[in-house]
């Protein structure tokens, strides 16, 4: 059975765009792969980035910070 996983080949290494597939995570067996070079589609990249930014905004990761200025000063001291 063939399955598809998204990755970018950079500097001779695959950088996974999603989670590393379980079959590759454990490294217990050799896996045959077929690489297909896709044409770069900047519009899809922009859509994907916009989607990720929307998810980040919904997560509101800094909502627990009561005093952003004090928090930033603490970071700068580190």
C-alpha atoms as a PDB file:
ATOM      1  CA  UNK A   1       0.000   0.000   0.000  1.00  0.00           C
ATOM      2  CA  UNK A   2       1.331   3.459  -0.891  1.00  0.00           C
ATOM      3  CA  UNK A   3       0.922   6.408   1.426  1.00  0.00           C
ATOM      4  CA  UNK A   4       1.915  10.008   0.852  1.00  0.00           C
ATOM      5  CA  UNK A   5       3.701  12.279   3.289  1.00  0.00           C
ATOM      6  CA  UNK A   6       4.706  15.884   2.704  1.00  0.00           C
ATOM      7  CA  UNK A   7       8.324  16.923   3.164  1.00  0.00           C
ATOM      8  CA  UNK A   8      10.912  19.288   1.752  1.00  0.00           C
ATOM      9  CA  UNK A   9      14.332  18.044   0.714  1.00  0.00           C
ATOM     10  CA  UNK A  10      16.891  20.587   1.898  1.00  0.00           C
ATOM     11  CA  UNK A  11      20.630  20.059   2.212  1.00  0.00           C
ATOM     12  CA  UNK A  12      20.195  16.341   1.591  1.00  0.00           C
ATOM     13  CA  UNK A  13      17.708  15.865   4.455  1.00  0.00           C
ATOM     14  CA  UNK A  14      13.944  15.520   4.461  1.00  0.00           C
ATOM     15  CA  UNK A  15      12.200  18.112   6.583  1.00  0.00           C
ATOM     16  CA  UNK A  16       8.692  16.936   7.346  1.00  0.00           C
ATOM     17  CA  UNK A  17       5.865  19.420   6.859  1.00  0.00           C
ATOM     18  CA  UNK A  18       3.584  17.320   9.037  1.00  0.00           C
ATOM     19  CA  UNK A  19       4.326  14.840  11.824  1.00  0.00           C
ATOM     20  CA  UNK A  20       6.947  12.227  11.014  1.00  0.00           C
ATOM     21  CA  UNK A  21       5.170   9.048   9.870  1.00  0.00           C
ATOM     22  CA  UNK A  22       5.218   6.269  12.501  1.00  0.00           C
ATOM     23  CA  UNK A  23       6.864   3.836  10.087  1.00  0.00           C
ATOM     24  CA  UNK A  24       9.822   6.233   9.809  1.00  0.00           C
ATOM     25  CA  UNK A  25       9.889   7.454  13.393  1.00  0.00           C
ATOM     26  CA  UNK A  26      11.138   4.216  14.917  1.00  0.00           C
ATOM     27  CA  UNK A  27      13.734   3.394  12.267  1.00  0.00           C
ATOM     28  CA  UNK A  28      13.313  -0.336  12.730  1.00  0.00           C
ATOM     29  CA  UNK A  29      13.111  -1.240   9.059  1.00  0.00           C
ATOM     30  CA  UNK A  30      14.173   0.005   5.661  1.00  0.00           C
ATOM     31  CA  UNK A  31      11.440   1.781   3.774  1.00  0.00           C
ATOM     32  CA  UNK A  32      11.348   2.202   0.015  1.00  0.00           C
ATOM     33  CA  UNK A  33      10.321   5.681  -1.044  1.00  0.00           C
ATOM     34  CA  UNK A  34       9.559   7.444  -4.293  1.00  0.00           C
ATOM     35  CA  UNK A  35      10.280  11.147  -4.523  1.00  0.00           C
ATOM     36  CA  UNK A  36       8.149  13.387  -6.704  1.00  0.00           C
ATOM     37  CA  UNK A  37       9.360  16.906  -7.288  1.00  0.00           C
ATOM     38  CA  UNK A  38       6.411  19.262  -7.236  1.00  0.00           C
ATOM     39  CA  UNK A  39       6.328  22.628  -8.883  1.00  0.00           C
ATOM     40  CA  UNK A  40       6.452  25.466  -6.391  1.00  0.00           C
ATOM     41  CA  UNK A  41       3.016  27.016  -6.017  1.00  0.00           C
ATOM     42  CA  UNK A  42       3.417  30.318  -4.196  1.00  0.00           C
ATOM     43  CA  UNK A  43      -0.334  30.818  -3.961  1.00  0.00           C
ATOM     44  CA  UNK A  44      -0.762  27.577  -2.005  1.00  0.00           C
ATOM     45  CA  UNK A  45       2.126  28.564   0.264  1.00  0.00           C
ATOM     46  CA  UNK A  46       0.425  31.875   0.974  1.00  0.00           C
ATOM     47  CA  UNK A  47      -2.864  30.111   1.720  1.00  0.00           C
ATOM     48  CA  UNK A  48      -1.107  27.669   4.030  1.00  0.00           C
ATOM     49  CA  UNK A  49       0.682  30.491   5.844  1.00  0.00           C
ATOM     50  CA  UNK A  50      -2.575  32.416   6.237  1.00  0.00           C
ATOM     51  CA  UNK A  51      -4.225  29.314   7.655  1.00  0.00           C
ATOM     52  CA  UNK A  52      -1.393  28.785  10.146  1.00  0.00           C
ATOM     53  CA  UNK A  53      -1.536  32.425  11.225  1.00  0.00           C
ATOM     54  CA  UNK A  54      -5.302  32.111  11.759  1.00  0.00           C
ATOM     55  CA  UNK A  55      -4.737  29.042  13.947  1.00  0.00           C
ATOM     56  CA  UNK A  56      -2.121  30.925  15.949  1.00  0.00           C
ATOM     57  CA  UNK A  57      -4.473  33.861  16.455  1.00  0.00           C
ATOM     58  CA  UNK A  58      -7.226  31.511  17.657  1.00  0.00           C
ATOM     59  CA  UNK A  59      -4.845  29.816  20.103  1.00  0.00           C
ATOM     60  CA  UNK A  60      -4.007  33.227  21.631  1.00  0.00           C
ATOM     61  CA  UNK A  61      -0.711  31.939  23.117  1.00  0.00           C
ATOM     62  CA  UNK A  62       0.084  35.129  25.034  1.00  0.00           C
ATOM     63  CA  UNK A  63      -3.269  35.571  26.761  1.00  0.00           C
ATOM     64  CA  UNK A  64      -1.845  34.502  30.140  1.00  0.00           C
ATOM     65  CA  UNK A  65       0.692  37.356  30.172  1.00  0.00           C
ATOM     66  CA  UNK A  66      -0.728  40.013  32.492  1.00  0.00           C
ATOM     67  CA  UNK A  67       1.925  42.693  31.910  1.00  0.00           C
ATOM     68  CA  UNK A  68       3.490  42.377  28.445  1.00  0.00           C
ATOM     69  CA  UNK A  69       6.062  45.106  29.104  1.00  0.00           C
ATOM     70  CA  UNK A  70       7.357  43.405  32.270  1.00  0.00           C
ATOM     71  CA  UNK A  71       7.352  40.038  30.490  1.00  0.00           C
ATOM     72  CA  UNK A  72       9.421  41.472  27.651  1.00  0.00           C
ATOM     73  CA  UNK A  73      11.895  43.055  30.065  1.00  0.00           C
ATOM     74  CA  UNK A  74      12.339  39.690  31.787  1.00  0.00           C
ATOM     75  CA  UNK A  75      13.042  38.039  28.431  1.00  0.00           C
ATOM     76  CA  UNK A  76      15.627  40.659  27.555  1.00  0.00           C
ATOM     77  CA  UNK A  77      17.442  40.069  30.868  1.00  0.00           C
ATOM     78  CA  UNK A  78      17.712  36.361  30.095  1.00  0.00           C
END
